[in-house]
Amino acid sequence: MKLYIDTSDSKQIRVGLDGKKYVGEVDAKSQELLSLIDKALNKVHKGLDDITEIQINRGPGSFTGLRVGAAVSNALGWLLKKPVNGKTVPVEPEY
């Protein structure tokens, strides 16, 4: 399942799943992004393990919003070992 994150608008963030219409759309600030992702996944009875890739809107838009979206996407991509915008996040070797 593909997770789509759009934080380009300074007044509204959007989260979508599987290329469908946005699952969640709220008047919120970027700090509520993780809770919105959780609500969207719960709405379709899925979890983080069901995500196969992450797609983020790279702009144009609010600098701070885009930065938060990129940081959350990269962190989730690294944690889940899933590609973000088609690129795999490097994983540190185990020692």
Protein backbone atom coordinates (compact mmCIF):
# COMPACT_ATOMS: atom_id res chain seq x y z
CA MET A 1 0.00 0.00 0.00
CA LYS A 2 1.39 3.40 -1.00
CA LEU A 3 1.30 6.22 1.56
CA TYR A 4 0.98 9.73 0.10
CA ILE A 5 1.87 12.75 2.24
CA ASP A 6 1.21 16.37 1.26
CA THR A 7 2.36 19.05 3.70
CA SER A 8 2.87 21.80 1.11
CA ASP A 9 -0.07 23.93 2.30
CA SER A 10 0.66 25.85 5.50
CA LYS A 11 -2.97 25.53 6.66
CA GLN A 12 -3.88 21.99 5.63
CA ILE A 13 -2.12 18.63 5.49
CA ARG A 14 -3.32 15.63 3.50
CA VAL A 15 -2.66 11.91 3.75
CA GLY A 16 -3.72 9.38 1.13
CA LEU A 17 -3.44 5.62 0.77
CA ASP A 18 -3.09 3.54 -2.42
CA GLY A 19 -3.52 6.49 -4.77
CA LYS A 20 -7.15 6.84 -3.75
CA LYS A 21 -8.75 10.11 -2.85
CA TYR A 22 -7.32 11.56 0.34
CA VAL A 23 -8.24 9.44 3.32
CA GLY A 24 -7.67 12.23 5.80
CA GLU A 25 -7.85 15.94 5.22
CA VAL A 26 -7.83 18.29 8.16
CA ASP A 27 -7.20 21.88 9.01
CA ALA A 28 -4.05 21.13 10.94
CA LYS A 29 -0.47 22.08 11.41
CA SER A 30 2.45 19.90 10.41
CA GLN A 31 3.05 18.66 13.96
CA GLU A 32 -0.17 16.63 13.67
CA LEU A 33 1.09 14.65 10.66
CA LEU A 34 1.91 11.45 12.54
CA SER A 35 -1.49 11.30 14.23
CA LEU A 36 -3.19 11.90 10.87
CA ILE A 37 -1.21 9.02 9.29
CA ASP A 38 -2.27 6.79 12.19
CA LYS A 39 -5.94 7.80 11.79
CA ALA A 40 -5.82 7.15 8.03
CA LEU A 41 -4.30 3.69 8.52
CA ASN A 42 -6.82 2.83 11.25
CA LYS A 43 -9.69 3.96 9.01
CA VAL A 44 -8.81 1.26 6.46
CA HIS A 45 -7.81 -1.28 9.15
CA LYS A 46 -4.12 -1.31 8.17
CA GLY A 47 -0.85 -0.75 10.01
CA LEU A 48 2.61 0.61 9.30
CA ASP A 49 3.76 -2.84 8.16
CA ASP A 50 1.26 -2.69 5.27
CA ILE A 51 3.00 0.33 3.70
CA THR A 52 5.08 -0.67 0.65
CA GLU A 53 6.27 2.79 -0.41
CA ILE A 54 5.99 6.44 0.58
CA GLN A 55 5.33 9.34 -1.80
CA ILE A 56 5.64 12.96 -0.68
CA ASN A 57 4.78 16.21 -2.38
CA ARG A 58 8.13 17.96 -2.91
CA GLY A 59 6.64 21.38 -3.52
CA PRO A 60 6.19 24.17 -4.21
CA GLY A 61 4.71 25.15 -0.92
CA SER A 62 5.38 26.15 2.65
CA PHE A 63 9.08 25.62 3.43
CA THR A 64 8.46 24.47 7.00
CA GLY A 65 5.61 22.18 5.95
CA LEU A 66 7.67 20.59 3.18
CA ARG A 67 10.60 20.13 5.57
CA VAL A 68 8.39 18.38 8.14
CA GLY A 69 6.85 16.16 5.44
CA ALA A 70 10.30 15.19 4.14
CA ALA A 71 11.63 14.49 7.63
CA VAL A 72 8.67 12.29 8.60
CA SER A 73 8.74 10.47 5.25
CA ASN A 74 12.46 9.78 5.44
CA ALA A 75 12.19 8.62 9.05
CA LEU A 76 9.33 6.25 8.20
CA GLY A 77 11.17 5.03 5.10
CA TRP A 78 14.28 4.28 7.13
CA LEU A 79 12.33 2.62 9.95
CA LEU A 80 10.20 0.47 7.62
CA LYS A 81 12.98 -0.03 5.02
CA LYS A 82 10.64 1.26 2.27
CA PRO A 83 11.38 3.57 -0.67
CA VAL A 84 10.54 7.27 -0.40
CA ASN A 85 9.67 8.90 -3.74
CA GLY A 86 11.13 5.83 -5.45
CA LYS A 87 14.49 5.94 -3.66
CA THR A 88 15.51 3.51 -0.98
CA VAL A 89 16.76 5.13 2.20
CA PRO A 90 20.26 3.81 3.02
CA VAL A 91 20.39 1.45 5.96
CA GLU A 92 23.42 1.51 8.25
CA PRO A 93 25.38 -1.75 8.38
CA GLU A 94 25.07 -3.84 11.52
CA TYR A 95 28.23 -4.17 13.61
